[in-house]
């Protein structure tokens, strides 16, 4: 499968991000999701693992809803993160409070992975002292430590409490600026946007079209992500390729499109009806002939020198009542069955 090939082509950096994507879709689908914090709000949910530095989509998983006849899944966030980080060691996983839990952090530690993420207030492992925010000073921080975990409670404004869990940090570091943010929060803010940045760069050059069929919507998303991943791999192998250009990705997409279309253009039997398209096809075939390609001797043209199309349909020249696609082999006029005669090759000669 396509998703199984993504981890084979790229080794992510130390910091990775696990988050949710939403492919915009408003048609009928059993597992269509409503996510009010996303720009599209309605669509197909995809869990993604991305490299924080360059947003390479390392692994993707489509959420297909609850299985019929089975109870609702518990610890879904933990299951998703463990599946999305399968095969990794020595990395730091950054995720939001939908995924973060103490059970997940312990399982990741057994796999030699660190975890940094926000955590919900309803977790039973949280000490009550960290949950109180009303009487605390703005920009104040409180820490709690175990042998392998670090909890931090930060008050960015009055009455607001932000809780984070980390198995990477072991000291209560705080920045020297006016907001006095803990180092845990600074690292989280730096790494949390890997998947969001993937959505941003994919949306810049997208082949997405409006459709009411969810497989086609997923296919458009697959093409967009594949093009971006291919661009990341190409520029990683060839870092000096068009380095002075500010739109390298657009140039890469144009070259990929030309490489995919050119073989089909060269094999085309007839010229298209449009003069511009006909000139493009003729130029592609002449370029292939100069390269020594195995193309035909020429393109077939219609009567009077004009280009014709195989599936062209017009009104019958005899009765003017029926739209037909068959033509006379001698004069080239469009003719219907009522005004045509079938002859074998021997009788026609």
C-alpha atoms as a PDB file:
ATOM      1  CA  UNK A   1       0.000   0.000   0.000  1.00  0.00           C
ATOM      2  CA  UNK A   2       0.952   3.631  -0.513  1.00  0.00           C
ATOM      3  CA  UNK A   3       1.011   4.431   3.216  1.00  0.00           C
ATOM      4  CA  UNK A   4       3.379   1.530   3.900  1.00  0.00           C
ATOM      5  CA  UNK A   5       5.934   2.953   1.463  1.00  0.00           C
ATOM      6  CA  UNK A   6       6.164   6.382   3.093  1.00  0.00           C
ATOM      7  CA  UNK A   7       8.346   5.298   6.083  1.00  0.00           C
ATOM      8  CA  UNK A   8      10.677   3.345   3.773  1.00  0.00           C
ATOM      9  CA  UNK A   9      11.807   6.456   1.894  1.00  0.00           C
ATOM     10  CA  UNK A  10      12.636   8.893   4.704  1.00  0.00           C
ATOM     11  CA  UNK A  11      14.152   8.828   8.196  1.00  0.00           C
ATOM     12  CA  UNK A  12      12.570  11.590  10.307  1.00  0.00           C
ATOM     13  CA  UNK A  13      14.523  13.957  12.516  1.00  0.00           C
ATOM     14  CA  UNK A  14      14.553  13.605  16.308  1.00  0.00           C
ATOM     15  CA  UNK A  15      11.337  15.648  16.739  1.00  0.00           C
ATOM     16  CA  UNK A  16       8.107  14.328  15.205  1.00  0.00           C
ATOM     17  CA  UNK A  17       4.496  15.442  15.535  1.00  0.00           C
ATOM     18  CA  UNK A  18       1.306  13.352  15.650  1.00  0.00           C
ATOM     19  CA  UNK A  19      -1.891  15.242  14.889  1.00  0.00           C
ATOM     20  CA  UNK A  20      -5.135  15.114  12.921  1.00  0.00           C
ATOM     21  CA  UNK A  21      -5.822  16.287   9.378  1.00  0.00           C
ATOM     22  CA  UNK A  22      -9.244  17.055   7.933  1.00  0.00           C
ATOM     23  CA  UNK A  23      -9.802  16.522   4.207  1.00  0.00           C
ATOM     24  CA  UNK A  24     -12.660  18.903   3.261  1.00  0.00           C
ATOM     25  CA  UNK A  25     -15.743  16.923   2.227  1.00  0.00           C
ATOM     26  CA  UNK A  26     -19.467  17.642   2.600  1.00  0.00           C
ATOM     27  CA  UNK A  27     -20.924  14.717   0.675  1.00  0.00           C
ATOM     28  CA  UNK A  28     -22.509  11.588   2.095  1.00  0.00           C
ATOM     29  CA  UNK A  29     -20.104   9.352   3.968  1.00  0.00           C
ATOM     30  CA  UNK A  30     -20.562   7.115   6.998  1.00  0.00           C
ATOM     31  CA  UNK A  31     -17.345   8.276   8.676  1.00  0.00           C
ATOM     32  CA  UNK A  32     -17.476  11.976   7.841  1.00  0.00           C
ATOM     33  CA  UNK A  33     -16.379  14.008  10.866  1.00  0.00           C
ATOM     34  CA  UNK A  34     -17.264  17.419  12.292  1.00  0.00           C
ATOM     35  CA  UNK A  35     -14.259  19.279  13.724  1.00  0.00           C
ATOM     36  CA  UNK A  36     -15.221  22.876  14.594  1.00  0.00           C
ATOM     37  CA  UNK A  37     -11.634  24.036  15.160  1.00  0.00           C
ATOM     38  CA  UNK A  38     -10.559  23.114  11.629  1.00  0.00           C
ATOM     39  CA  UNK A  39     -11.078  25.603   8.750  1.00  0.00           C
ATOM     40  CA  UNK A  40     -13.228  23.185   6.705  1.00  0.00           C
ATOM     41  CA  UNK A  41     -15.177  21.873   9.772  1.00  0.00           C
ATOM     42  CA  UNK A  42     -16.629  18.894   7.828  1.00  0.00           C
ATOM     43  CA  UNK A  43     -14.534  16.224   6.166  1.00  0.00           C
ATOM     44  CA  UNK A  44     -12.590  12.986   6.432  1.00  0.00           C
ATOM     45  CA  UNK A  45     -10.249  12.686   9.408  1.00  0.00           C
ATOM     46  CA  UNK A  46      -6.694  11.474   8.853  1.00  0.00           C
ATOM     47  CA  UNK A  47      -4.149  10.900  11.615  1.00  0.00           C
ATOM     48  CA  UNK A  48      -0.680  11.954  10.471  1.00  0.00           C
ATOM     49  CA  UNK A  49       2.891  11.604  11.714  1.00  0.00           C
ATOM     50  CA  UNK A  50       5.135  14.366  10.358  1.00  0.00           C
ATOM     51  CA  UNK A  51       8.723  15.417  10.694  1.00  0.00           C
ATOM     52  CA  UNK A  52       8.736  18.725  12.569  1.00  0.00           C
ATOM     53  CA  UNK A  53      11.543  20.300  10.552  1.00  0.00           C
ATOM     54  CA  UNK A  54      10.266  19.801   6.975  1.00  0.00           C
ATOM     55  CA  UNK A  55       6.744  18.340   7.519  1.00  0.00           C
ATOM     56  CA  UNK A  56       7.347  15.129   5.567  1.00  0.00           C
ATOM     57  CA  UNK A  57       4.252  12.924   5.951  1.00  0.00           C
ATOM     58  CA  UNK A  58       5.887   9.835   7.462  1.00  0.00           C
ATOM     59  CA  UNK A  59       2.710   7.864   8.145  1.00  0.00           C
ATOM     60  CA  UNK A  60      -1.018   8.436   7.543  1.00  0.00           C
ATOM     61  CA  UNK A  61      -4.119   6.633   8.808  1.00  0.00           C
ATOM     62  CA  UNK A  62      -7.721   7.297   7.759  1.00  0.00           C
ATOM     63  CA  UNK A  63     -10.340   7.186  10.511  1.00  0.00           C
ATOM     64  CA  UNK A  64     -13.204   5.012   9.232  1.00  0.00           C
ATOM     65  CA  UNK A  65     -15.512   5.307  12.242  1.00  0.00           C
ATOM     66  CA  UNK A  66     -16.755   2.802  14.799  1.00  0.00           C
ATOM     67  CA  UNK A  67     -17.203  -0.735  13.576  1.00  0.00           C
ATOM     68  CA  UNK A  68     -20.821  -1.840  13.308  1.00  0.00           C
ATOM     69  CA  UNK A  69     -22.023  -3.983  16.204  1.00  0.00           C
ATOM     70  CA  UNK A  70     -19.059  -3.224  18.468  1.00  0.00           C
ATOM     71  CA  UNK A  71     -18.843  -0.886  21.479  1.00  0.00           C
ATOM     72  CA  UNK A  72     -17.122   2.473  21.241  1.00  0.00           C
ATOM     73  CA  UNK A  73     -13.327   2.320  21.362  1.00  0.00           C
ATOM     74  CA  UNK A  74     -11.551   3.363  24.553  1.00  0.00           C
ATOM     75  CA  UNK A  75      -8.069   4.909  24.594  1.00  0.00           C
ATOM     76  CA  UNK A  76      -8.312   5.668  20.901  1.00  0.00           C
ATOM     77  CA  UNK A  77      -5.662   8.386  21.135  1.00  0.00           C
ATOM     78  CA  UNK A  78      -3.161   6.008  22.707  1.00  0.00           C
ATOM     79  CA  UNK A  79      -3.808   3.351  20.078  1.00  0.00           C
ATOM     80  CA  UNK A  80      -3.354   5.850  17.223  1.00  0.00           C
ATOM     81  CA  UNK A  81      -0.034   7.217  18.532  1.00  0.00           C
ATOM     82  CA  UNK A  82       1.392   3.738  19.096  1.00  0.00           C
ATOM     83  CA  UNK A  83       0.451   2.681  15.567  1.00  0.00           C
ATOM     84  CA  UNK A  84       1.693   5.925  14.014  1.00  0.00           C
ATOM     85  CA  UNK A  85       5.114   5.656  15.700  1.00  0.00           C
ATOM     86  CA  UNK A  86       5.679   1.952  15.073  1.00  0.00           C
ATOM     87  CA  UNK A  87       9.311   1.291  14.159  1.00  0.00           C
ATOM     88  CA  UNK A  88      10.770   4.506  15.626  1.00  0.00           C
ATOM     89  CA  UNK A  89      13.348   4.761  18.417  1.00  0.00           C
ATOM     90  CA  UNK A  90      15.087   7.714  20.020  1.00  0.00           C
ATOM     91  CA  UNK A  91      12.544  10.309  18.834  1.00  0.00           C
ATOM     92  CA  UNK A  92      10.443  12.824  20.738  1.00  0.00           C
ATOM     93  CA  UNK A  93       6.707  12.644  19.992  1.00  0.00           C
ATOM     94  CA  UNK A  94       4.697  15.873  20.272  1.00  0.00           C
ATOM     95  CA  UNK A  95       0.890  15.653  20.401  1.00  0.00           C
ATOM     96  CA  UNK A  96      -2.126  17.468  21.839  1.00  0.00           C
ATOM     97  CA  UNK A  97      -4.429  16.575  24.730  1.00  0.00           C
ATOM     98  CA  UNK A  98      -6.568  14.212  22.613  1.00  0.00           C
ATOM     99  CA  UNK A  99      -3.653  11.761  22.543  1.00  0.00           C
ATOM    100  CA  UNK A 100      -1.609  12.493  25.692  1.00  0.00           C
ATOM    101  CA  UNK A 101      -1.993  10.233  28.734  1.00  0.00           C
ATOM    102  CA  UNK A 102       0.225   8.660  31.383  1.00  0.00           C
ATOM    103  CA  UNK A 103      -0.335   5.216  29.925  1.00  0.00           C
ATOM    104  CA  UNK A 104       0.854   6.435  26.531  1.00  0.00           C
ATOM    105  CA  UNK A 105       3.989   8.014  28.019  1.00  0.00           C
ATOM    106  CA  UNK A 106       4.936   4.792  29.806  1.00  0.00           C
ATOM    107  CA  UNK A 107       4.404   2.684  26.681  1.00  0.00           C
ATOM    108  CA  UNK A 108       6.482   5.106  24.597  1.00  0.00           C
ATOM    109  CA  UNK A 109       9.274   4.964  27.177  1.00  0.00           C
ATOM    110  CA  UNK A 110       9.326   1.180  26.822  1.00  0.00           C
ATOM    111  CA  UNK A 111       9.797   1.779  23.080  1.00  0.00           C
ATOM    112  CA  UNK A 112      12.613   4.290  23.782  1.00  0.00           C
ATOM    113  CA  UNK A 113      10.516   7.275  22.707  1.00  0.00           C
ATOM    114  CA  UNK A 114       9.935  10.516  24.628  1.00  0.00           C
ATOM    115  CA  UNK A 115       6.601  12.360  24.836  1.00  0.00           C
ATOM    116  CA  UNK A 116       5.765  16.060  25.086  1.00  0.00           C
ATOM    117  CA  UNK A 117       2.127  17.117  25.009  1.00  0.00           C
ATOM    118  CA  UNK A 118      -0.727  18.952  26.627  1.00  0.00           C
ATOM    119  CA  UNK A 119      -2.904  16.894  28.946  1.00  0.00           C
ATOM    120  CA  UNK A 120      -6.542  17.204  29.987  1.00  0.00           C
ATOM    121  CA  UNK A 121      -7.561  18.191  33.498  1.00  0.00           C
ATOM    122  CA  UNK A 122      -9.706  15.085  34.055  1.00  0.00           C
ATOM    123  CA  UNK A 123      -6.778  12.656  34.209  1.00  0.00           C
ATOM    124  CA  UNK A 124      -6.733  10.924  37.627  1.00  0.00           C
ATOM    125  CA  UNK A 125      -2.926  11.003  37.849  1.00  0.00           C
ATOM    126  CA  UNK A 126      -2.780  14.820  38.084  1.00  0.00           C
ATOM    127  CA  UNK A 127      -2.145  16.258  41.583  1.00  0.00           C
ATOM    128  CA  UNK A 128      -4.867  18.711  42.700  1.00  0.00           C
ATOM    129  CA  UNK A 129      -2.324  21.471  43.409  1.00  0.00           C
ATOM    130  CA  UNK A 130      -1.613  21.827  39.682  1.00  0.00           C
ATOM    131  CA  UNK A 131      -5.296  22.182  38.774  1.00  0.00           C
ATOM    132  CA  UNK A 132      -5.934  25.359  40.764  1.00  0.00           C
ATOM    133  CA  UNK A 133      -5.458  28.581  38.781  1.00  0.00           C
ATOM    134  CA  UNK A 134      -7.760  31.244  40.300  1.00  0.00           C
ATOM    135  CA  UNK A 135      -5.479  32.365  43.137  1.00  0.00           C
ATOM    136  CA  UNK A 136      -2.234  32.113  41.188  1.00  0.00           C
ATOM    137  CA  UNK A 137      -0.203  34.929  39.674  1.00  0.00           C
ATOM    138  CA  UNK A 138      -0.230  35.448  35.887  1.00  0.00           C
ATOM    139  CA  UNK A 139       2.831  33.927  34.120  1.00  0.00           C
ATOM    140  CA  UNK A 140       3.517  31.697  37.123  1.00  0.00           C
ATOM    141  CA  UNK A 141       4.534  28.038  36.800  1.00  0.00           C
ATOM    142  CA  UNK A 142       4.299  24.970  39.031  1.00  0.00           C
ATOM    143  CA  UNK A 143       6.167  21.710  38.477  1.00  0.00           C
ATOM    144  CA  UNK A 144       5.672  18.131  39.630  1.00  0.00           C
ATOM    145  CA  UNK A 145       8.203  15.351  39.072  1.00  0.00           C
ATOM    146  CA  UNK A 146       8.316  11.582  39.185  1.00  0.00           C
ATOM    147  CA  UNK A 147      11.192   9.323  38.283  1.00  0.00           C
ATOM    148  CA  UNK A 148      10.406   9.533  34.557  1.00  0.00           C
ATOM    149  CA  UNK A 149       7.721  12.236  34.156  1.00  0.00           C
ATOM    150  CA  UNK A 150       7.588  16.024  34.398  1.00  0.00           C
ATOM    151  CA  UNK A 151       4.304  17.898  34.843  1.00  0.00           C
ATOM    152  CA  UNK A 152       4.052  21.662  34.458  1.00  0.00           C
ATOM    153  CA  UNK A 153       1.143  24.014  35.147  1.00  0.00           C
ATOM    154  CA  UNK A 154       1.427  27.461  33.550  1.00  0.00           C
ATOM    155  CA  UNK A 155      -0.972  30.425  33.905  1.00  0.00           C
ATOM    156  CA  UNK A 156      -0.843  32.552  30.702  1.00  0.00           C
ATOM    157  CA  UNK A 157      -3.703  34.803  31.865  1.00  0.00           C
ATOM    158  CA  UNK A 158      -5.974  35.116  34.878  1.00  0.00           C
ATOM    159  CA  UNK A 159      -8.092  32.003  35.395  1.00  0.00           C
ATOM    160  CA  UNK A 160      -6.415  30.047  32.558  1.00  0.00           C
ATOM    161  CA  UNK A 161      -4.308  26.984  33.342  1.00  0.00           C
ATOM    162  CA  UNK A 162      -2.209  25.086  30.772  1.00  0.00           C
ATOM    163  CA  UNK A 163      -1.049  21.569  31.715  1.00  0.00           C
ATOM    164  CA  UNK A 164       1.753  19.713  29.955  1.00  0.00           C
ATOM    165  CA  UNK A 165       3.309  16.286  30.414  1.00  0.00           C
ATOM    166  CA  UNK A 166       6.876  15.528  29.341  1.00  0.00           C
ATOM    167  CA  UNK A 167       9.196  12.552  29.595  1.00  0.00           C
ATOM    168  CA  UNK A 168      11.995  14.498  27.891  1.00  0.00           C
ATOM    169  CA  UNK A 169      12.629  17.352  30.345  1.00  0.00           C
ATOM    170  CA  UNK A 170      14.053  16.790  33.832  1.00  0.00           C
ATOM    171  CA  UNK A 171      14.566  20.340  35.183  1.00  0.00           C
ATOM    172  CA  UNK A 172      12.202  23.277  35.886  1.00  0.00           C
ATOM    173  CA  UNK A 173      13.662  25.592  33.243  1.00  0.00           C
ATOM    174  CA  UNK A 174      11.912  28.959  32.685  1.00  0.00           C
ATOM    175  CA  UNK A 175      12.619  31.574  30.002  1.00  0.00           C
ATOM    176  CA  UNK A 176      13.964  35.035  30.863  1.00  0.00           C
ATOM    177  CA  UNK A 177      11.377  37.063  28.910  1.00  0.00           C
ATOM    178  CA  UNK A 178       8.353  38.838  30.366  1.00  0.00           C
ATOM    179  CA  UNK A 179       6.003  35.847  30.006  1.00  0.00           C
ATOM    180  CA  UNK A 180       8.405  33.481  31.830  1.00  0.00           C
ATOM    181  CA  UNK A 181       7.329  30.410  29.874  1.00  0.00           C
ATOM    182  CA  UNK A 182       8.707  27.028  30.970  1.00  0.00           C
ATOM    183  CA  UNK A 183      11.111  25.264  28.613  1.00  0.00           C
ATOM    184  CA  UNK A 184       8.575  22.449  28.230  1.00  0.00           C
ATOM    185  CA  UNK A 185       5.999  24.843  26.749  1.00  0.00           C
ATOM    186  CA  UNK A 186       8.569  26.468  24.466  1.00  0.00           C
ATOM    187  CA  UNK A 187       9.583  23.087  23.051  1.00  0.00           C
ATOM    188  CA  UNK A 188       5.935  22.102  22.651  1.00  0.00           C
ATOM    189  CA  UNK A 189       5.112  25.317  20.754  1.00  0.00           C
ATOM    190  CA  UNK A 190       8.107  24.768  18.493  1.00  0.00           C
ATOM    191  CA  UNK A 191       7.137  21.193  17.561  1.00  0.00           C
ATOM    192  CA  UNK A 192       3.332  21.133  17.628  1.00  0.00           C
ATOM    193  CA  UNK A 193       2.817  22.583  14.129  1.00  0.00           C
ATOM    194  CA  UNK A 194       4.285  19.821  11.963  1.00  0.00           C
ATOM    195  CA  UNK A 195       0.955  18.532  10.631  1.00  0.00           C
ATOM    196  CA  UNK A 196      -0.573  22.020  10.426  1.00  0.00           C
ATOM    197  CA  UNK A 197       2.362  23.141   8.291  1.00  0.00           C
ATOM    198  CA  UNK A 198       1.800  20.111   6.044  1.00  0.00           C
ATOM    199  CA  UNK A 199      -1.801  21.253   5.499  1.00  0.00           C
ATOM    200  CA  UNK A 200      -0.545  24.737   4.695  1.00  0.00           C
ATOM    201  CA  UNK A 201       2.056  23.762   2.100  1.00  0.00           C
ATOM    202  CA  UNK A 202      -0.218  21.145   0.504  1.00  0.00           C
ATOM    203  CA  UNK A 203      -2.997  23.705   0.142  1.00  0.00           C
ATOM    204  CA  UNK A 204      -0.664  26.150  -1.635  1.00  0.00           C
ATOM    205  CA  UNK A 205      -0.489  23.947  -4.754  1.00  0.00           C
ATOM    206  CA  UNK A 206      -3.431  21.539  -4.659  1.00  0.00           C
ATOM    207  CA  UNK A 207      -5.172  19.413  -7.285  1.00  0.00           C
ATOM    208  CA  UNK A 208      -8.294  19.197  -5.115  1.00  0.00           C
ATOM    209  CA  UNK A 209     -11.631  19.537  -6.929  1.00  0.00           C
ATOM    210  CA  UNK A 210     -15.144  19.733  -5.573  1.00  0.00           C
ATOM    211  CA  UNK A 211     -16.724  16.306  -5.457  1.00  0.00           C
ATOM    212  CA  UNK A 212     -19.510  14.391  -3.707  1.00  0.00           C
ATOM    213  CA  UNK A 213     -17.603  11.087  -3.733  1.00  0.00           C
ATOM    214  CA  UNK A 214     -15.395  10.491  -0.729  1.00  0.00           C
ATOM    215  CA  UNK A 215     -12.931   8.116  -2.499  1.00  0.00           C
ATOM    216  CA  UNK A 216     -12.173  10.896  -4.981  1.00  0.00           C
ATOM    217  CA  UNK A 217     -11.654  13.407  -2.153  1.00  0.00           C
ATOM    218  CA  UNK A 218      -9.168  11.026  -0.517  1.00  0.00           C
ATOM    219  CA  UNK A 219      -7.455  10.468  -3.861  1.00  0.00           C
ATOM    220  CA  UNK A 220      -6.959  14.218  -4.316  1.00  0.00           C
ATOM    221  CA  UNK A 221      -5.415  14.410  -0.845  1.00  0.00           C
ATOM    222  CA  UNK A 222      -3.180  11.437  -1.680  1.00  0.00           C
ATOM    223  CA  UNK A 223      -1.892  13.210  -4.801  1.00  0.00           C
ATOM    224  CA  UNK A 224      -1.183  16.438  -2.913  1.00  0.00           C
ATOM    225  CA  UNK A 225       0.724  14.695  -0.110  1.00  0.00           C
ATOM    226  CA  UNK A 226       2.613  12.505  -2.596  1.00  0.00           C
ATOM    227  CA  UNK A 227       3.761  15.550  -4.554  1.00  0.00           C
ATOM    228  CA  UNK A 228       4.989  17.309  -1.433  1.00  0.00           C
ATOM    229  CA  UNK A 229       6.779  14.201  -0.126  1.00  0.00           C
ATOM    230  CA  UNK A 230       8.412  13.747  -3.534  1.00  0.00           C
ATOM    231  CA  UNK A 231       9.571  17.371  -3.442  1.00  0.00           C
ATOM    232  CA  UNK A 232      11.085  16.862   0.029  1.00  0.00           C
ATOM    233  CA  UNK A 233      12.940  13.742  -1.112  1.00  0.00           C
ATOM    234  CA  UNK A 234      14.174  15.400  -4.306  1.00  0.00           C
ATOM    235  CA  UNK A 235      15.491  18.513  -2.557  1.00  0.00           C
ATOM    236  CA  UNK A 236      17.086  16.390   0.175  1.00  0.00           C
ATOM    237  CA  UNK A 237      19.015  14.411  -2.448  1.00  0.00           C
ATOM    238  CA  UNK A 238      19.667  17.457  -4.674  1.00  0.00           C
ATOM    239  CA  UNK A 239      19.858  20.464  -2.325  1.00  0.00           C
ATOM    240  CA  UNK A 240      21.344  22.728  -5.028  1.00  0.00           C
ATOM    241  CA  UNK A 241      18.483  22.143  -7.519  1.00  0.00           C
ATOM    242  CA  UNK A 242      17.160  25.613  -8.535  1.00  0.00           C
ATOM    243  CA  UNK A 243      18.295  26.925  -5.163  1.00  0.00           C
ATOM    244  CA  UNK A 244      18.100  30.556  -6.277  1.00  0.00           C
ATOM    245  CA  UNK A 245      14.419  30.264  -7.215  1.00  0.00           C
ATOM    246  CA  UNK A 246      11.760  31.306  -4.733  1.00  0.00           C
ATOM    247  CA  UNK A 247       9.145  28.960  -6.207  1.00  0.00           C
ATOM    248  CA  UNK A 248      11.099  25.705  -6.422  1.00  0.00           C
ATOM    249  CA  UNK A 249       8.107  23.605  -5.474  1.00  0.00           C
ATOM    250  CA  UNK A 250       5.976  24.988  -8.298  1.00  0.00           C
ATOM    251  CA  UNK A 251       8.753  24.280 -10.802  1.00  0.00           C
ATOM    252  CA  UNK A 252       9.073  20.747  -9.414  1.00  0.00           C
ATOM    253  CA  UNK A 253       5.322  20.125  -9.791  1.00  0.00           C
ATOM    254  CA  UNK A 254       5.438  21.386 -13.388  1.00  0.00           C
ATOM    255  CA  UNK A 255       8.286  19.022 -14.236  1.00  0.00           C
ATOM    256  CA  UNK A 256       6.508  16.067 -12.607  1.00  0.00           C
ATOM    257  CA  UNK A 257       3.327  16.873 -14.553  1.00  0.00           C
ATOM    258  CA  UNK A 258       5.225  17.084 -17.837  1.00  0.00           C
ATOM    259  CA  UNK A 259       6.986  13.788 -17.149  1.00  0.00           C
ATOM    260  CA  UNK A 260       3.656  12.054 -16.443  1.00  0.00           C
ATOM    261  CA  UNK A 261       1.799  13.499 -19.440  1.00  0.00           C
ATOM    262  CA  UNK A 262       4.478  13.370 -22.150  1.00  0.00           C
ATOM    263  CA  UNK A 263       4.391   9.564 -22.769  1.00  0.00           C
ATOM    264  CA  UNK A 264       0.616   9.684 -23.285  1.00  0.00           C
ATOM    265  CA  UNK A 265       0.900  12.728 -25.554  1.00  0.00           C
ATOM    266  CA  UNK A 266       3.498  10.966 -27.692  1.00  0.00           C
ATOM    267  CA  UNK A 267       1.268   7.890 -28.092  1.00  0.00           C
ATOM    268  CA  UNK A 268      -1.761   9.913 -29.171  1.00  0.00           C
ATOM    269  CA  UNK A 269      -2.994   8.892 -32.639  1.00  0.00           C
ATOM    270  CA  UNK A 270      -4.824  12.062 -33.654  1.00  0.00           C
ATOM    271  CA  UNK A 271      -4.437  15.758 -33.082  1.00  0.00           C
ATOM    272  CA  UNK A 272      -6.875  17.452 -30.679  1.00  0.00           C
ATOM    273  CA  UNK A 273      -9.368  19.928 -32.097  1.00  0.00           C
ATOM    274  CA  UNK A 274      -7.896  22.980 -30.353  1.00  0.00           C
ATOM    275  CA  UNK A 275      -5.058  24.583 -32.298  1.00  0.00           C
ATOM    276  CA  UNK A 276      -3.053  25.282 -29.137  1.00  0.00           C
ATOM    277  CA  UNK A 277      -3.436  21.692 -27.910  1.00  0.00           C
ATOM    278  CA  UNK A 278      -2.616  20.368 -31.386  1.00  0.00           C
ATOM    279  CA  UNK A 279       0.580  22.422 -31.464  1.00  0.00           C
ATOM    280  CA  UNK A 280       1.518  21.089 -28.015  1.00  0.00           C
ATOM    281  CA  UNK A 281       1.012  17.467 -29.105  1.00  0.00           C
ATOM    282  CA  UNK A 282       2.936  17.987 -32.341  1.00  0.00           C
ATOM    283  CA  UNK A 283       5.800  19.632 -30.468  1.00  0.00           C
ATOM    284  CA  UNK A 284       5.966  16.770 -27.963  1.00  0.00           C
ATOM    285  CA  UNK A 285       6.095  14.194 -30.743  1.00  0.00           C
ATOM    286  CA  UNK A 286       8.766  16.076 -32.678  1.00  0.00           C
ATOM    287  CA  UNK A 287      10.856  16.357 -29.504  1.00  0.00           C
ATOM    288  CA  UNK A 288      10.453  12.613 -28.939  1.00  0.00           C
ATOM    289  CA  UNK A 289      11.500  11.931 -32.543  1.00  0.00           C
ATOM    290  CA  UNK A 290      14.655  14.006 -32.025  1.00  0.00           C
ATOM    291  CA  UNK A 291      15.433  11.949 -28.923  1.00  0.00           C
ATOM    292  CA  UNK A 292      14.986   8.775 -30.953  1.00  0.00           C
ATOM    293  CA  UNK A 293      11.635   7.838 -29.440  1.00  0.00           C
ATOM    294  CA  UNK A 294       9.464   5.192 -31.072  1.00  0.00           C
ATOM    295  CA  UNK A 295       6.598   7.374 -32.245  1.00  0.00           C
ATOM    296  CA  UNK A 296       4.429   7.094 -35.316  1.00  0.00           C
ATOM    297  CA  UNK A 297       5.301   8.757 -38.607  1.00  0.00           C
ATOM    298  CA  UNK A 298       2.585  11.367 -38.260  1.00  0.00           C
ATOM    299  CA  UNK A 299      -0.743  12.306 -36.727  1.00  0.00           C
ATOM    300  CA  UNK A 300      -3.945  11.582 -38.559  1.00  0.00           C
ATOM    301  CA  UNK A 301      -5.902  14.627 -39.663  1.00  0.00           C
ATOM    302  CA  UNK A 302      -9.476  15.030 -40.744  1.00  0.00           C
ATOM    303  CA  UNK A 303     -10.792  16.101 -44.171  1.00  0.00           C
ATOM    304  CA  UNK A 304      -9.663  19.528 -45.369  1.00  0.00           C
ATOM    305  CA  UNK A 305      -6.515  19.475 -43.242  1.00  0.00           C
ATOM    306  CA  UNK A 306      -8.359  20.142 -39.968  1.00  0.00           C
ATOM    307  CA  UNK A 307      -7.711  18.016 -36.911  1.00  0.00           C
ATOM    308  CA  UNK A 308     -10.472  15.576 -35.953  1.00  0.00           C
ATOM    309  CA  UNK A 309     -11.302  13.723 -32.769  1.00  0.00           C
ATOM    310  CA  UNK A 310     -12.093  10.038 -32.517  1.00  0.00           C
ATOM    311  CA  UNK A 311     -15.263  10.478 -30.448  1.00  0.00           C
ATOM    312  CA  UNK A 312     -16.553  13.599 -32.292  1.00  0.00           C
ATOM    313  CA  UNK A 313     -20.356  13.533 -32.848  1.00  0.00           C
ATOM    314  CA  UNK A 314     -22.378  15.650 -35.288  1.00  0.00           C
ATOM    315  CA  UNK A 315     -25.786  15.688 -36.943  1.00  0.00           C
ATOM    316  CA  UNK A 316     -26.302  13.315 -39.873  1.00  0.00           C
ATOM    317  CA  UNK A 317     -25.630  15.173 -43.136  1.00  0.00           C
ATOM    318  CA  UNK A 318     -28.544  13.398 -44.866  1.00  0.00           C
ATOM    319  CA  UNK A 319     -31.461  13.671 -42.441  1.00  0.00           C
ATOM    320  CA  UNK A 320     -30.199  16.276 -39.943  1.00  0.00           C
ATOM    321  CA  UNK A 321     -32.178  14.463 -37.207  1.00  0.00           C
ATOM    322  CA  UNK A 322     -29.685  12.224 -35.457  1.00  0.00           C
ATOM    323  CA  UNK A 323     -26.352  13.011 -33.828  1.00  0.00           C
ATOM    324  CA  UNK A 324     -23.874  10.339 -34.887  1.00  0.00           C
ATOM    325  CA  UNK A 325     -20.177   9.627 -34.624  1.00  0.00           C
ATOM    326  CA  UNK A 326     -19.666   7.465 -37.752  1.00  0.00           C
ATOM    327  CA  UNK A 327     -18.440   8.984 -41.018  1.00  0.00           C
ATOM    328  CA  UNK A 328     -18.311   7.918 -44.659  1.00  0.00           C
ATOM    329  CA  UNK A 329     -14.967   6.354 -45.548  1.00  0.00           C
ATOM    330  CA  UNK A 330     -14.839   8.224 -48.901  1.00  0.00           C
ATOM    331  CA  UNK A 331     -16.250  11.725 -48.378  1.00  0.00           C
ATOM    332  CA  UNK A 332     -15.873  11.956 -44.604  1.00  0.00           C
ATOM    333  CA  UNK A 333     -19.459  13.126 -44.004  1.00  0.00           C
ATOM    334  CA  UNK A 334     -21.266  12.156 -40.808  1.00  0.00           C
ATOM    335  CA  UNK A 335     -23.923   9.551 -41.545  1.00  0.00           C
ATOM    336  CA  UNK A 336     -26.519   7.641 -39.489  1.00  0.00           C
ATOM    337  CA  UNK A 337     -27.428   3.960 -39.799  1.00  0.00           C
ATOM    338  CA  UNK A 338     -30.601   4.715 -41.777  1.00  0.00           C
ATOM    339  CA  UNK A 339     -28.573   6.339 -44.559  1.00  0.00           C
ATOM    340  CA  UNK A 340     -25.540   4.064 -44.541  1.00  0.00           C
ATOM    341  CA  UNK A 341     -24.770   0.713 -46.120  1.00  0.00           C
ATOM    342  CA  UNK A 342     -22.528  -1.981 -44.663  1.00  0.00           C
ATOM    343  CA  UNK A 343     -20.072  -3.477 -47.170  1.00  0.00           C
ATOM    344  CA  UNK A 344     -17.272  -5.948 -46.674  1.00  0.00           C
ATOM    345  CA  UNK A 345     -13.754  -5.048 -47.722  1.00  0.00           C
ATOM    346  CA  UNK A 346     -14.015  -7.166 -50.932  1.00  0.00           C
ATOM    347  CA  UNK A 347     -17.266  -5.590 -52.148  1.00  0.00           C
ATOM    348  CA  UNK A 348     -16.130  -2.074 -51.327  1.00  0.00           C
ATOM    349  CA  UNK A 349     -13.211  -2.447 -53.728  1.00  0.00           C
END
